Protein backbone atom coordinates (compact mmCIF):
# COMPACT_ATOMS: atom_id res chain seq x y z
CA MET A 1 -4.08 -4.30 -1.74
CA GLU A 2 -6.91 -2.47 -0.01
CA GLN A 3 -7.87 0.79 -1.73
CA LYS A 4 -8.50 4.54 0.34
CA ILE A 5 -10.57 7.08 -1.58
CA VAL A 6 -7.38 9.14 -4.03
CA PHE A 7 -8.55 11.97 -5.96
CA LYS A 8 -6.64 11.85 -9.45
CA GLU A 9 -4.95 15.68 -9.22
CA GLU A 10 -2.88 13.38 -5.90
CA ALA A 11 -2.68 9.49 -7.61
CA ARG A 12 -1.11 10.80 -10.93
CA LYS A 13 1.75 12.82 -8.93
CA ALA A 14 3.09 9.22 -8.46
CA PHE A 15 4.06 8.84 -11.95
CA LEU A 16 5.59 11.89 -12.45
CA ASP A 17 9.72 12.86 -12.45
CA ALA A 18 10.58 16.03 -10.02
CA ASP A 19 10.17 18.40 -13.59
CA GLY A 20 6.32 17.43 -13.91
CA ASN A 21 6.73 14.96 -16.44
CA VAL A 22 5.53 11.92 -16.81
CA ASP A 23 7.66 9.11 -15.88
CA PHE A 24 6.59 5.90 -18.00
CA GLY A 25 9.13 3.86 -15.45
CA LYS A 26 7.39 4.61 -12.96
CA VAL A 27 3.66 3.82 -14.61
CA GLN A 28 5.31 0.34 -15.85
CA GLU A 29 6.34 -0.14 -12.06
CA LYS A 30 2.69 0.18 -10.88
CA TRP A 31 1.20 -1.89 -13.92
CA THR A 32 4.33 -4.63 -12.98
CA GLU A 33 2.56 -4.09 -9.12
CA LEU A 34 -0.62 -4.51 -10.19
CA ALA A 35 -0.25 -7.35 -12.03
CA LYS A 36 0.83 -9.69 -9.06
CA VAL A 37 -3.55 -9.02 -8.00
CA LYS A 38 -5.53 -9.08 -11.58
CA VAL A 39 -4.34 -8.06 -15.10
CA SER A 40 -6.47 -5.13 -16.34
CA LEU A 41 -6.95 -4.72 -20.22
CA GLY A 42 -5.41 -1.14 -19.65
CA ASN A 43 -2.17 -2.94 -18.01
CA LYS A 44 -1.47 -5.75 -20.80
CA TYR A 45 -1.48 -2.84 -23.44
CA PHE A 46 0.51 -0.68 -21.72
CA THR A 47 3.40 -2.08 -24.05
CA PRO A 48 7.19 -1.10 -25.20
CA GLU A 49 5.58 0.26 -28.31
CA VAL A 50 3.07 1.57 -27.00
CA VAL A 51 5.45 3.75 -24.57
CA GLU A 52 7.97 4.42 -27.34
CA GLN A 53 4.54 5.82 -29.38
CA VAL A 54 3.70 7.88 -26.67
CA LYS A 55 7.06 9.33 -26.26
CA LYS A 56 6.93 10.79 -29.70
CA LEU A 57 3.54 12.83 -28.97
CA SER A 58 3.91 16.41 -26.96
CA ALA A 59 4.32 16.53 -22.78
CA ALA A 60 0.34 17.87 -22.64
CA ASP A 61 -0.86 14.40 -24.34
CA GLN A 62 1.51 12.50 -22.68
CA GLN A 63 -0.31 13.79 -19.42
CA ARG A 64 -3.64 13.33 -21.16
CA PHE A 65 -2.25 9.71 -21.49
CA LEU A 66 -1.55 9.43 -18.45
CA ASP A 67 -5.14 11.24 -17.39
CA VAL A 68 -6.43 8.10 -19.62
CA MET A 69 -4.59 5.06 -17.60
CA MET A 70 -4.99 6.75 -13.83
CA GLY A 71 -8.40 4.92 -12.88
CA GLY A 72 -6.67 1.47 -13.70
CA LEU A 73 -3.03 2.21 -12.20
CA ALA A 74 -5.13 2.99 -9.27
CA ASN A 75 -7.52 0.27 -8.64
CA ASP A 76 -6.06 -3.84 -7.97
CA ASP A 77 -9.69 -4.76 -9.16
CA SER A 78 -9.88 -2.94 -12.54
CA SER A 79 -10.87 -4.92 -15.41
CA VAL A 80 -10.44 -2.43 -18.39
CA GLY A 81 -8.81 0.29 -16.38
CA VAL A 82 -9.49 3.14 -18.35
CA TYR A 83 -11.06 6.23 -19.09
CA ALA A 84 -10.85 8.35 -22.18
CA THR A 85 -10.82 12.10 -21.28
CA ARG A 86 -11.56 13.60 -24.74
CA PRO A 87 -14.06 12.22 -27.38
CA GLU A 88 -10.41 12.37 -29.75
CA ASP A 89 -8.81 10.40 -27.39
CA TYR A 90 -9.99 7.51 -29.80
CA ASP A 91 -8.30 8.80 -32.68
CA VAL A 92 -4.76 9.96 -30.66
CA PHE A 93 -4.24 7.56 -28.22
CA SER A 94 -5.63 4.92 -31.02
CA PHE A 95 -2.44 2.80 -30.83
CA TYR A 96 -3.55 2.48 -27.10
CA LEU A 97 -6.77 1.84 -27.12
CA GLN A 98 -7.54 -0.26 -30.54
CA PRO A 99 -6.75 -3.32 -29.43
CA LEU A 100 -7.96 -2.79 -26.22
CA ILE A 101 -11.57 -2.27 -27.65
CA ARG A 102 -11.42 -4.98 -29.96
CA GLU A 103 -10.81 -7.37 -27.32
CA TYR A 104 -13.28 -6.45 -24.33
CA HIS A 105 -16.00 -6.04 -27.38
CA LYS A 106 -14.79 -9.27 -29.28
CA ILE A 107 -14.41 -7.34 -32.57
CA GLU A 108 -12.89 -9.30 -35.41
CA GLY A 109 -12.34 -7.87 -38.83
CA GLU A 110 -13.43 -4.72 -40.12
CA THR A 111 -16.13 -3.75 -37.78
CA LYS A 112 -18.69 -0.56 -37.80
CA GLN A 113 -21.20 0.36 -35.60
CA GLU A 114 -24.45 0.81 -36.81
CA HIS A 115 -27.69 2.24 -35.18
CA ASP A 116 -31.06 1.11 -35.64
CA TRP A 117 -34.00 2.23 -33.15
CA ASN A 118 -36.63 0.43 -35.34
CA ILE A 119 -37.81 -2.15 -31.98
CA PRO A 120 -41.42 -3.60 -32.31
CA VAL A 121 -44.12 -3.17 -29.65
CA ASP A 122 -46.17 -6.61 -28.79
CA GLU A 123 -43.23 -8.92 -29.77
CA TYR A 124 -40.53 -8.89 -27.49
CA VAL A 125 -43.36 -9.79 -24.67
CA LEU A 126 -42.31 -11.06 -21.46
CA THR A 127 -45.98 -13.25 -20.23
CA LYS A 128 -44.80 -15.24 -23.85
CA ILE A 129 -42.21 -16.31 -21.55
CA ASP A 130 -44.05 -16.59 -18.27
CA PRO A 131 -47.49 -15.21 -17.73
CA LYS A 132 -46.18 -14.61 -13.91
CA LEU A 133 -43.73 -11.73 -15.78
CA GLU A 134 -47.11 -9.43 -15.66
CA LYS A 135 -45.83 -6.22 -13.97
CA VAL A 136 -41.95 -6.13 -14.28
CA SER A 137 -39.65 -3.16 -14.17
CA MET A 138 -38.14 -2.93 -17.16
CA ARG A 139 -35.12 0.16 -17.79
CA ALA A 140 -33.11 0.97 -20.62
CA ARG A 141 -30.30 3.66 -20.51
CA VAL A 142 -28.22 5.28 -23.36
CA ALA A 143 -24.94 6.68 -22.24
CA ARG A 144 -24.27 9.99 -24.05
CA ASN A 145 -21.48 12.92 -24.37
CA VAL A 146 -22.26 15.90 -25.72
CA LYS A 147 -20.23 17.43 -29.47
CA GLY A 148 -17.48 20.21 -27.95
CA TRP A 149 -16.82 19.26 -24.60
CA ASN A 150 -14.67 17.34 -23.09
CA LEU A 151 -15.54 14.49 -21.01
CA PRO A 152 -15.87 14.21 -17.46
CA PRO A 153 -12.62 12.95 -16.36
CA LEU A 154 -11.30 16.20 -17.64
CA MET A 155 -14.07 19.06 -17.06
CA SER A 156 -13.08 21.41 -14.40
CA LYS A 157 -15.58 23.10 -12.25
CA GLU A 158 -16.40 25.85 -14.45
CA GLU A 159 -16.63 23.28 -17.56
CA ARG A 160 -19.03 21.17 -15.42
CA ILE A 161 -21.52 24.18 -14.00
CA ASN A 162 -21.68 25.52 -18.09
CA PHE A 163 -22.77 22.32 -19.11
CA GLU A 164 -25.50 21.98 -16.44
CA ASN A 165 -26.49 25.19 -16.76
CA LYS A 166 -27.01 24.10 -20.78
CA MET A 167 -28.58 20.70 -20.16
CA VAL A 168 -31.55 22.86 -17.74
CA GLN A 169 -31.82 25.27 -20.78
CA ALA A 170 -32.52 21.90 -23.12
CA PHE A 171 -34.90 20.52 -20.60
CA GLU A 172 -36.88 23.73 -20.66
CA ASN A 173 -36.89 23.32 -24.37
CA PHE A 174 -37.29 19.35 -25.38
CA GLY A 175 -41.08 19.55 -25.22
CA ILE A 176 -41.35 17.05 -22.19
CA LYS A 177 -42.67 17.97 -18.76
CA GLY A 178 -40.51 17.01 -16.14
CA LYS A 179 -38.11 19.20 -13.49
CA TYR A 180 -34.39 19.15 -12.60
CA HIS A 181 -32.91 18.66 -9.46
CA SER A 182 -29.48 19.95 -9.10
CA LEU A 183 -26.82 18.74 -6.87
CA THR A 184 -24.26 21.87 -7.08
CA PRO A 185 -24.59 24.16 -4.48
CA GLY A 186 -26.55 27.35 -5.24
CA HIS A 187 -27.95 26.33 -8.30
CA LYS A 188 -31.68 27.34 -8.71
CA ASP A 189 -32.73 24.14 -8.38
CA GLN A 190 -30.56 22.77 -6.00
CA ILE A 191 -32.51 20.03 -3.89
CA THR A 192 -30.87 19.00 -0.08
CA GLN A 193 -29.28 16.84 0.94
CA GLU A 194 -32.53 14.07 2.34
CA GLN A 195 -34.10 14.83 -0.90
CA ALA A 196 -31.23 13.63 -2.99
CA ASP A 197 -31.15 10.78 -0.20
CA GLU A 198 -35.19 9.73 -1.22
CA LEU A 199 -34.48 9.82 -4.97
CA ILE A 200 -31.10 7.80 -4.55
CA LYS A 201 -33.11 5.21 -2.23
CA ARG A 202 -35.78 4.84 -5.18
CA HIS A 203 -32.99 4.02 -7.80
CA PHE A 204 -33.47 7.07 -9.66
CA LEU A 205 -30.12 9.46 -8.67
CA PHE A 206 -26.58 7.91 -8.47
CA ASN A 207 -24.94 7.73 -5.29
CA ASP A 208 -22.29 9.73 -3.95
CA MET A 209 -19.17 9.43 -6.52
CA THR A 210 -16.32 10.55 -3.94
CA THR A 211 -16.96 6.97 -2.29
CA ASP A 212 -15.92 5.27 -5.57
CA ASN A 213 -11.98 4.82 -6.27
CA HIS A 214 -12.31 4.10 -10.04
CA LEU A 215 -14.49 7.67 -10.04
CA THR A 216 -11.87 9.37 -8.04
CA SER A 217 -8.85 8.60 -8.84
CA SER A 218 -10.00 8.94 -12.40
CA GLY A 219 -11.10 12.40 -12.73
CA VAL A 220 -15.20 11.18 -13.22
CA ALA A 221 -15.96 12.73 -9.50
CA SER A 222 -13.35 15.54 -8.96
CA ASP A 223 -15.25 18.70 -7.78
CA TRP A 224 -18.67 16.86 -6.38
CA PRO A 225 -21.40 18.00 -6.02
CA PHE A 226 -21.39 20.73 -8.71
CA GLY A 227 -22.53 19.84 -12.12
CA ARG A 228 -24.04 17.37 -11.07
CA GLY A 229 -28.10 16.88 -10.99
CA ILE A 230 -31.10 14.44 -12.51
CA TRP A 231 -33.95 15.27 -15.17
CA ILE A 232 -37.09 13.45 -13.64
CA SER A 233 -40.52 13.28 -16.29
CA GLU A 234 -43.74 14.26 -14.55
CA ASP A 235 -44.68 10.28 -14.87
CA GLU A 236 -41.48 9.01 -13.29
CA THR A 237 -40.46 7.19 -16.36
CA LYS A 238 -38.19 9.16 -18.12
CA MET A 239 -35.06 10.22 -16.22
CA ILE A 240 -31.61 11.99 -17.13
CA TRP A 241 -28.79 12.05 -15.03
CA VAL A 242 -26.33 15.07 -15.74
CA GLY A 243 -22.57 14.44 -14.34
CA GLU A 244 -21.76 11.17 -13.95
CA GLU A 245 -19.34 8.83 -15.73
CA ASP A 246 -20.72 10.35 -19.01
CA GLN A 247 -22.20 14.09 -19.33
CA LEU A 248 -25.79 12.25 -20.20
CA ARG A 249 -27.16 9.07 -18.87
CA ILE A 250 -30.44 9.10 -20.93
CA ILE A 251 -33.18 6.43 -18.79
CA SER A 252 -36.51 4.90 -19.53
CA ILE A 253 -37.81 2.75 -16.79
CA VAL A 254 -41.43 1.21 -17.43
CA GLN A 255 -43.81 -1.03 -14.92
CA GLY A 256 -45.06 -4.03 -17.38
CA ASN A 257 -44.21 -7.12 -19.99
CA ASP A 258 -43.11 -5.75 -23.03
CA LEU A 259 -39.82 -4.31 -23.93
CA GLY A 260 -40.49 -2.85 -26.87
CA LYS A 261 -42.59 0.19 -24.73
CA VAL A 262 -39.22 0.50 -23.36
CA ASP A 263 -37.33 1.22 -26.00
CA GLN A 264 -40.26 3.39 -27.44
CA SER A 265 -40.03 5.78 -24.39
CA LEU A 266 -36.46 6.06 -23.99
CA HIS A 267 -36.10 7.04 -28.40
CA GLN A 268 -38.84 9.84 -27.61
CA LEU A 269 -36.37 11.02 -25.08
CA LEU A 270 -33.49 10.92 -27.19
CA THR A 271 -35.20 12.62 -30.10
CA GLY A 272 -36.11 15.66 -27.61
CA ILE A 273 -32.63 16.20 -26.51
CA GLU A 274 -31.42 16.02 -30.31
CA LYS A 275 -34.38 18.50 -31.15
CA SER A 276 -33.14 20.71 -28.52
CA GLY A 277 -30.30 21.27 -30.60
CA LEU A 278 -27.80 18.97 -28.78
CA GLU A 279 -25.29 17.39 -30.92
CA PHE A 280 -24.47 13.87 -29.63
CA ALA A 281 -20.10 12.89 -29.92
CA GLU A 282 -20.10 10.18 -32.10
CA HIS A 283 -16.66 8.29 -33.97
CA PRO A 284 -16.71 6.90 -37.36
CA VAL A 285 -16.29 3.28 -36.37
CA TYR A 286 -16.73 2.99 -32.75
CA GLY A 287 -20.43 5.15 -32.71
CA VAL A 288 -21.27 6.55 -29.44
CA ILE A 289 -18.29 7.71 -27.39
CA THR A 290 -18.23 7.15 -23.92
CA THR A 291 -15.92 7.85 -20.99
CA CYS A 292 -15.38 3.62 -20.26
CA PRO A 293 -14.74 2.22 -23.69
CA THR A 294 -16.75 -0.61 -22.05
CA ASN A 295 -19.99 1.19 -23.08
CA MET A 296 -18.69 2.68 -27.00
CA GLY A 297 -20.95 1.12 -29.66
CA THR A 298 -24.52 1.94 -28.71
CA GLY A 299 -24.12 2.95 -25.63
CA LYS A 300 -27.20 1.45 -24.57
CA ARG A 301 -28.13 -1.13 -21.60
CA GLN A 302 -31.44 -2.44 -21.10
CA SER A 303 -32.64 -4.88 -18.34
CA ILE A 304 -34.90 -6.39 -16.25
CA LEU A 305 -35.52 -6.70 -12.82
CA GLY A 306 -36.32 -10.42 -12.45
CA LYS A 307 -36.88 -12.99 -9.68
CA PHE A 308 -34.45 -16.59 -9.78
CA PRO A 309 -35.03 -18.44 -6.65
CA ASN A 310 -34.12 -21.22 -8.10
CA ILE A 311 -31.26 -21.04 -9.18
CA THR A 312 -29.91 -18.86 -6.89
CA ASN A 313 -30.45 -21.15 -4.19
CA GLY A 314 -32.46 -18.67 -2.22
CA GLY A 315 -30.41 -15.77 -3.16
CA LYS A 316 -27.41 -17.47 -1.71
CA ASP A 317 -25.31 -18.56 -5.06
CA GLU A 318 -25.24 -15.67 -7.08
CA LYS A 319 -22.74 -16.90 -9.28
CA LYS A 320 -24.34 -19.62 -10.50
CA LEU A 321 -26.83 -17.00 -12.04
CA LYS A 322 -23.90 -15.06 -13.17
CA ASP A 323 -22.33 -17.83 -14.96
CA ILE A 324 -25.65 -19.46 -16.62
CA ALA A 325 -26.62 -15.65 -17.95
CA ARG A 326 -23.15 -15.12 -19.59
CA GLN A 327 -24.08 -18.32 -21.66
CA PHE A 328 -26.79 -16.71 -22.96
CA GLY A 329 -24.47 -13.82 -23.44
CA LEU A 330 -26.27 -11.62 -20.73
CA GLN A 331 -25.08 -9.74 -17.36
CA ALA A 332 -26.73 -10.55 -13.99
CA ARG A 333 -26.31 -8.04 -11.36
CA GLY A 334 -27.68 -6.86 -7.91
CA MET A 335 -31.09 -5.62 -7.47
CA GLY A 336 -28.90 -1.81 -7.31
CA GLY A 337 -26.60 -2.62 -10.46
CA GLU A 338 -23.18 -3.24 -10.63
CA HIS A 339 -21.37 -4.25 -7.09
CA SER A 340 -24.99 -4.47 -5.42
CA ALA A 341 -26.23 -7.96 -3.90
CA MET A 342 -28.99 -9.97 -4.70
CA ASP A 343 -31.84 -10.59 -2.27
CA HIS A 344 -33.49 -14.10 -0.75
CA GLU A 345 -35.63 -14.15 -3.75
CA GLY A 346 -33.24 -14.30 -6.53
CA THR A 347 -33.41 -11.41 -7.93
CA ALA A 348 -31.50 -9.47 -9.92
CA ASP A 349 -31.07 -6.87 -12.87
CA ILE A 350 -30.18 -9.09 -15.99
CA SER A 351 -29.16 -6.87 -19.25
CA PRO A 352 -26.92 -8.21 -22.61
CA SER A 353 -23.48 -7.72 -22.20
CA ALA A 354 -22.89 -6.75 -26.01
CA ARG A 355 -22.47 -2.76 -26.72
CA PHE A 356 -20.74 -2.67 -29.51
CA GLY A 357 -21.14 -4.40 -33.07
CA VAL A 358 -24.75 -4.52 -32.52
CA THR A 359 -27.65 -2.08 -33.03
CA GLU A 360 -30.38 -0.90 -30.68
CA ALA A 361 -32.88 -3.21 -32.20
CA VAL A 362 -30.50 -6.27 -31.16
CA VAL A 363 -29.80 -5.58 -28.22
CA THR A 364 -33.43 -5.57 -27.17
CA LYS A 365 -33.78 -8.61 -29.14
CA ARG A 366 -31.30 -10.42 -27.45
CA LEU A 367 -32.00 -9.81 -23.74
CA TYR A 368 -35.35 -11.42 -25.02
CA GLU A 369 -34.20 -14.21 -26.45
CA GLY A 370 -31.97 -14.87 -23.31
CA LEU A 371 -34.82 -14.34 -20.69
CA ILE A 372 -36.47 -17.23 -22.37
CA LYS A 373 -33.67 -19.54 -22.17
CA LEU A 374 -33.05 -17.81 -18.11
CA TYR A 375 -36.82 -18.65 -17.32
CA GLU A 376 -36.20 -22.65 -18.87
CA ILE A 377 -33.73 -23.10 -16.52
CA GLU A 378 -35.46 -21.38 -13.51
CA ALA A 379 -38.75 -23.33 -14.08
CA GLN A 380 -36.70 -26.80 -14.61
CA LEU A 381 -35.15 -26.40 -11.22
CA GLY A 382 -38.43 -25.78 -9.52
CA LYS A 383 -39.92 -28.73 -10.95
CA GLU A 384 -36.55 -30.74 -10.12
CA GLN A 385 -36.68 -29.54 -6.21
CA GLN A 386 -40.66 -30.20 -6.64
CA GLN A 387 -40.23 -33.72 -7.35
CA ALA A 388 -37.42 -34.16 -5.18
């Protein structure tokens, strides 16, 4: 099946009856059809028992339950296929989301998310792995949503604009010099399309969200481009996306070789936002609340851009790098992140896959330990090729 771009308001009509109520028979028919292509976790855990539970809820909650599934129902390539619409979804729909989350994050027993930002500087140094790794593009980002607001899939146009304005006030008061660039038409900080394109080209700003059917069908991209923008620090090492998949994506970018310095920069940014008076949404078990359950826990993704020409055979065999990285608990993506390609030098974005059940400090440690193994294999393959 080839997907066209469809927005949530239109896509969800296919699952309503004549009176506008959710028709769970139609939902089941669609999940069954999609299973012929791929079974997402949202599909797997949509069981008769779940339907019986949902039917006991109010009509309004049944509509919201449909919204949670829309990203999966409208895309045949979904791996997870669910997006939370409000922080409380993780409790109201726990009978559906809890087993899904536990499978994705490989949770066994009673696990509760803990936080630990005690990450040393001068310990996770890339030149210890290879002296040539002197100047590497290193990034760390956390996903955050603010307490008291709907998550992006459910936000109205007005709420998106109000949230953006609240963040602009926070940016003016959190003690780090920088500038906000808004995509909202008529906003006092609005930038031109040319300026936005330049920021996208530099891998600072996110892409036009209306080109991704996962984001449009789930409601994440609704009302584009209202309420969207990016704050960039004066030295261009710290950035905050506003209004993407989560309300905030808080990013630190460092050119160098010490992973600890990236975390130091990111934590400074997070602390500044909290001091401005904003309180982040947290779950007592799952930790940081995010729109997509895959980011629950720390909400942290840390990566480097590394070159692996030998493993990838000059960028021609991306799968080999991805498979090897997976053995070490890492994800290998293209230069631009998810859904992008590697170049002829096998340049890849490498990050740990774990988000939940690990602390922020462990994420950094796992990245470093995984990179040691990856670069060992890369060097060994290089030697073998020279001897051949």
